[in-house]
PDB file of N, CA and C in Angstrom:
ATOM      1  N   MET A   1     126.837  69.343  69.367  1.00  0.00           N
ATOM      2  CA  MET A   1     126.595  68.202  70.212  1.00  0.00           C
ATOM      3  C   MET A   1     127.685  68.166  71.280  1.00  0.00           C
ATOM      4  N   SER A   2     127.324  67.815  72.482  1.00  0.00           N
ATOM      5  CA  SER A   2     128.319  67.678  73.540  1.00  0.00           C
ATOM      6  C   SER A   2     128.348  66.221  74.001  1.00  0.00           C
ATOM      7  N   SER A   3     129.502  65.807  74.470  1.00  0.00           N
ATOM      8  CA  SER A   3     129.678  64.417  74.899  1.00  0.00           C
ATOM      9  C   SER A   3     130.136  64.364  76.334  1.00  0.00           C
ATOM     10  N   ARG A   4     129.863  63.244  76.965  1.00  0.00           N
ATOM     11  CA  ARG A   4     130.350  63.007  78.325  1.00  0.00           C
ATOM     12  C   ARG A   4     130.583  61.520  78.480  1.00  0.00           C
ATOM     13  N   SER A   5     131.754  61.168  78.937  1.00  0.00           N
ATOM     14  CA  SER A   5     132.074  59.766  79.193  1.00  0.00           C
ATOM     15  C   SER A   5     132.377  59.599  80.665  1.00  0.00           C
ATOM     16  N   GLY A   6     131.889  58.541  81.229  1.00  0.00           N
ATOM     17  CA  GLY A   6     132.155  58.240  82.623  1.00  0.00           C
ATOM     18  C   GLY A   6     133.396  57.375  82.764  1.00  0.00           C
ATOM     19  N   SER A   7     133.832  57.183  83.974  1.00  0.00           N
ATOM     20  CA  SER A   7     135.004  56.351  84.226  1.00  0.00           C
ATOM     21  C   SER A   7     134.721  54.885  83.923  1.00  0.00           C
ATOM     22  N   ASN A   8     133.451  54.555  83.719  1.00  0.00           N
ATOM     23  CA  ASN A   8     133.062  53.179  83.407  1.00  0.00           C
ATOM     24  C   ASN A   8     133.099  52.891  81.906  1.00  0.00           C
ATOM     25  N   GLY A   9     133.556  53.856  81.108  1.00  0.00           N
ATOM     26  CA  GLY A   9     133.662  53.658  79.667  1.00  0.00           C
ATOM     27  C   GLY A   9     132.398  53.958  78.893  1.00  0.00           C
ATOM     28  N   LEU A  10     131.322  54.304  79.583  1.00  0.00           N
ATOM     29  CA  LEU A  10     130.072  54.641  78.916  1.00  0.00           C
ATOM     30  C   LEU A  10     130.062  56.127  78.577  1.00  0.00           C
ATOM     31  N   GLY A  11     129.367  56.490  77.533  1.00  0.00           N
ATOM     32  CA  GLY A  11     129.297  57.897  77.168  1.00  0.00           C
ATOM     33  C   GLY A  11     128.010  58.214  76.437  1.00  0.00           C
ATOM     34  N   VAL A  12     127.611  59.464  76.507  1.00  0.00           N
ATOM     35  CA  VAL A  12     126.422  59.929  75.800  1.00  0.00           C
ATOM     36  C   VAL A  12     126.742  61.221  75.068  1.00  0.00           C
ATOM     37  N   GLU A  13     125.983  61.470  74.033  1.00  0.00           N
ATOM     38  CA  GLU A  13     126.036  62.739  73.318  1.00  0.00           C
ATOM     39  C   GLU A  13     124.670  63.390  73.469  1.00  0.00           C
ATOM     40  N   VAL A  14     124.681  64.686  73.733  1.00  0.00           N
ATOM     41  CA  VAL A  14     123.441  65.428  73.936  1.00  0.00           C
ATOM     42  C   VAL A  14     123.429  66.614  72.983  1.00  0.00           C
ATOM     43  N   ARG A  15     122.334  66.759  72.256  1.00  0.00           N
ATOM     44  CA  ARG A  15     122.173  67.903  71.358  1.00  0.00           C
ATOM     45  C   ARG A  15     120.913  68.653  71.779  1.00  0.00           C
ATOM     46  N   ASP A  16     121.091  69.902  72.176  1.00  0.00           N
ATOM     47  CA  ASP A  16     119.971  70.764  72.569  1.00  0.00           C
ATOM     48  C   ASP A  16     119.536  71.549  71.340  1.00  0.00           C
ATOM     49  N   ARG A  17     118.313  71.272  70.880  1.00  0.00           N
ATOM     50  CA  ARG A  17     117.782  71.968  69.713  1.00  0.00           C
ATOM     51  C   ARG A  17     116.682  72.948  70.109  1.00  0.00           C
ATOM     52  N   GLY A  18     116.721  73.409  71.363  1.00  0.00           N
ATOM     53  CA  GLY A  18     115.730  74.365  71.833  1.00  0.00           C
ATOM     54  C   GLY A  18     114.466  73.687  72.307  1.00  0.00           C
ATOM     55  N   ALA A  19     113.580  73.357  71.377  1.00  0.00           N
ATOM     56  CA  ALA A  19     112.309  72.718  71.730  1.00  0.00           C
ATOM     57  C   ALA A  19     112.455  71.209  71.905  1.00  0.00           C
ATOM     58  N   GLN A  20     113.652  70.684  71.617  1.00  0.00           N
ATOM     59  CA  GLN A  20     113.872  69.244  71.694  1.00  0.00           C
ATOM     60  C   GLN A  20     115.330  68.976  72.071  1.00  0.00           C
ATOM     61  N   VAL A  21     115.539  67.925  72.845  1.00  0.00           N
ATOM     62  CA  VAL A  21     116.874  67.491  73.237  1.00  0.00           C
ATOM     63  C   VAL A  21     117.057  66.063  72.745  1.00  0.00           C
ATOM     64  N   ASP A  22     118.140  65.834  71.994  1.00  0.00           N
ATOM     65  CA  ASP A  22     118.439  64.501  71.469  1.00  0.00           C
ATOM     66  C   ASP A  22     119.574  63.894  72.282  1.00  0.00           C
ATOM     67  N   ILE A  23     119.454  62.621  72.620  1.00  0.00           N
ATOM     68  CA  ILE A  23     120.458  61.908  73.421  1.00  0.00           C
ATOM     69  C   ILE A  23     120.760  60.584  72.734  1.00  0.00           C
ATOM     70  N   ARG A  24     122.070  60.266  72.590  1.00  0.00           N
ATOM     71  CA  ARG A  24     122.446  58.977  72.022  1.00  0.00           C
ATOM     72  C   ARG A  24     123.710  58.445  72.682  1.00  0.00           C
ATOM     73  N   ASP A  25     123.922  57.174  72.548  1.00  0.00           N
ATOM     74  CA  ASP A  25     125.101  56.489  73.068  1.00  0.00           C
ATOM     75  C   ASP A  25     126.277  56.836  72.159  1.00  0.00           C
ATOM     76  N   SER A  26     127.315  57.479  72.709  1.00  0.00           N
ATOM     77  CA  SER A  26     128.446  57.883  71.883  1.00  0.00           C
ATOM     78  C   SER A  26     129.271  56.698  71.398  1.00  0.00           C
ATOM     79  N   LYS A  27     129.138  55.560  72.048  1.00  0.00           N
ATOM     80  CA  LYS A  27     129.873  54.361  71.639  1.00  0.00           C
ATOM     81  C   LYS A  27     129.138  53.578  70.550  1.00  0.00           C
ATOM     82  N   ALA A  28     127.849  53.873  70.346  1.00  0.00           N
ATOM     83  CA  ALA A  28     127.045  53.168  69.337  1.00  0.00           C
ATOM     84  C   ALA A  28     126.076  54.144  68.669  1.00  0.00           C
ATOM     85  N   PRO A  29     126.579  55.171  67.984  1.00  0.00           N
ATOM     86  CA  PRO A  29     125.679  56.164  67.382  1.00  0.00           C
ATOM     87  C   PRO A  29     124.741  55.590  66.331  1.00  0.00           C
ATOM     88  N   GLU A  30     125.110  54.466  65.741  1.00  0.00           N
ATOM     89  CA  GLU A  30     124.255  53.842  64.725  1.00  0.00           C
ATOM     90  C   GLU A  30     122.978  53.263  65.331  1.00  0.00           C
ATOM     91  N   ALA A  31     122.931  53.144  66.653  1.00  0.00           N
ATOM     92  CA  ALA A  31     121.751  52.602  67.332  1.00  0.00           C
ATOM     93  C   ALA A  31     120.605  53.605  67.397  1.00  0.00           C
ATOM     94  N   GLY A  32     120.841  54.838  66.972  1.00  0.00           N
ATOM     95  CA  GLY A  32     119.798  55.848  66.977  1.00  0.00           C
ATOM     96  C   GLY A  32     119.856  56.740  68.201  1.00  0.00           C
ATOM     97  N   MET A  33     118.849  57.582  68.347  1.00  0.00           N
ATOM     98  CA  MET A  33     118.819  58.506  69.470  1.00  0.00           C
ATOM     99  C   MET A  33     117.431  58.619  70.049  1.00  0.00           C
ATOM    100  N   LEU A  34     117.390  59.098  71.274  1.00  0.00           N
ATOM    101  CA  LEU A  34     116.128  59.396  71.947  1.00  0.00           C
ATOM    102  C   LEU A  34     115.926  60.903  71.869  1.00  0.00           C
ATOM    103  N   SER A  35     114.705  61.354  71.668  1.00  0.00           N
ATOM    104  CA  SER A  35     114.392  62.774  71.616  1.00  0.00           C
ATOM    105  C   SER A  35     113.342  63.095  72.669  1.00  0.00           C
ATOM    106  N   PHE A  36     113.590  64.182  73.401  1.00  0.00           N
ATOM    107  CA  PHE A  36     112.724  64.589  74.498  1.00  0.00           C
ATOM    108  C   PHE A  36     112.446  66.080  74.433  1.00  0.00           C
ATOM    109  N   GLU A  37     111.341  66.498  75.047  1.00  0.00           N
ATOM    110  CA  GLU A  37     111.155  67.912  75.353  1.00  0.00           C
ATOM    111  C   GLU A  37     112.154  68.234  76.460  1.00  0.00           C
ATOM    112  N   PRO A  38     112.616  69.491  76.587  1.00  0.00           N
ATOM    113  CA  PRO A  38     113.657  69.811  77.566  1.00  0.00           C
ATOM    114  C   PRO A  38     113.372  69.336  78.994  1.00  0.00           C
ATOM    115  N   ALA A  39     112.173  69.536  79.520  1.00  0.00           N
ATOM    116  CA  ALA A  39     111.875  69.118  80.899  1.00  0.00           C
ATOM    117  C   ALA A  39     111.955  67.600  81.037  1.00  0.00           C
ATOM    118  N   ALA A  40     111.469  66.882  80.045  1.00  0.00           N
ATOM    119  CA  ALA A  40     111.505  65.419  80.093  1.00  0.00           C
ATOM    120  C   ALA A  40     112.938  64.899  79.993  1.00  0.00           C
ATOM    121  N   SER A  41     113.792  65.597  79.242  1.00  0.00           N
ATOM    122  CA  SER A  41     115.181  65.141  79.131  1.00  0.00           C
ATOM    123  C   SER A  41     115.885  65.251  80.474  1.00  0.00           C
ATOM    124  N   GLY A  42     115.595  66.304  81.220  1.00  0.00           N
ATOM    125  CA  GLY A  42     116.183  66.458  82.555  1.00  0.00           C
ATOM    126  C   GLY A  42     115.755  65.352  83.493  1.00  0.00           C
ATOM    127  N   MET A  43     114.483  64.978  83.424  1.00  0.00           N
ATOM    128  CA  MET A  43     113.990  63.881  84.265  1.00  0.00           C
ATOM    129  C   MET A  43     114.627  62.558  83.851  1.00  0.00           C
ATOM    130  N   PHE A  44     114.779  62.334  82.537  1.00  0.00           N
ATOM    131  CA  PHE A  44     115.398  61.100  82.042  1.00  0.00           C
ATOM    132  C   PHE A  44     116.854  61.001  82.516  1.00  0.00           C
ATOM    133  N   ILE A  45     117.602  62.061  82.333  1.00  0.00           N
ATOM    134  CA  ILE A  45     119.012  62.070  82.750  1.00  0.00           C
ATOM    135  C   ILE A  45     119.120  61.898  84.259  1.00  0.00           C
ATOM    136  N   GLY A  46     118.252  62.568  85.020  1.00  0.00           N
ATOM    137  CA  GLY A  46     118.258  62.408  86.480  1.00  0.00           C
ATOM    138  C   GLY A  46     117.974  60.983  86.913  1.00  0.00           C
ATOM    139  N   SER A  47     117.054  60.313  86.232  1.00  0.00           N
ATOM    140  CA  SER A  47     116.740  58.936  86.617  1.00  0.00           C
ATOM    141  C   SER A  47     117.908  57.994  86.289  1.00  0.00           C
ATOM    142  N   ILE A  48     118.598  58.237  85.187  1.00  0.00           N
ATOM    143  CA  ILE A  48     119.767  57.410  84.831  1.00  0.00           C
ATOM    144  C   ILE A  48     120.880  57.626  85.862  1.00  0.00           C
ATOM    145  N   LYS A  49     121.109  58.866  86.245  1.00  0.00           N
ATOM    146  CA  LYS A  49     122.134  59.157  87.246  1.00  0.00           C
ATOM    147  C   LYS A  49     121.803  58.473  88.568  1.00  0.00           C
ATOM    148  N   ALA A  50     120.534  58.513  88.968  1.00  0.00           N
ATOM    149  CA  ALA A  50     120.122  57.881  90.218  1.00  0.00           C
ATOM    150  C   ALA A  50     120.333  56.370  90.176  1.00  0.00           C
ATOM    151  N   GLU A  51     120.015  55.753  89.047  1.00  0.00           N
ATOM    152  CA  GLU A  51     120.170  54.305  88.900  1.00  0.00           C
ATOM    153  C   GLU A  51     121.634  53.876  88.919  1.00  0.00           C
ATOM    154  N   THR A  52     122.509  54.739  88.401  1.00  0.00           N
ATOM    155  CA  THR A  52     123.928  54.369  88.313  1.00  0.00           C
ATOM    156  C   THR A  52     124.759  54.926  89.446  1.00  0.00           C
ATOM    157  N   GLY A  53     124.116  55.669  90.367  1.00  0.00           N
ATOM    158  CA  GLY A  53     124.838  56.233  91.509  1.00  0.00           C
ATOM    159  C   GLY A  53     125.733  57.405  91.165  1.00  0.00           C
ATOM    160  N   GLN A  54     125.448  58.083  90.055  1.00  0.00           N
ATOM    161  CA  GLN A  54     126.221  59.251  89.621  1.00  0.00           C
ATOM    162  C   GLN A  54     125.577  60.512  90.166  1.00  0.00           C
ATOM    163  N   SER A  55     126.347  61.571  90.251  1.00  0.00           N
ATOM    164  CA  SER A  55     125.768  62.847  90.709  1.00  0.00           C
ATOM    165  C   SER A  55     125.820  63.888  89.642  1.00  0.00           C
TER     166      SER A  55
END
């Protein structure tokens, strides 16, 4: 699993399992995770970046 935290204190963990990508909030792992097909995970991450003004 890989993690990334922004300067705003938010962070995510991403696990690439080949046919599926799991994403969860690193600050609240007990809240569960979202699972996507690889192409859908890229679109999800891109939309979050666009909403938060990240590149």
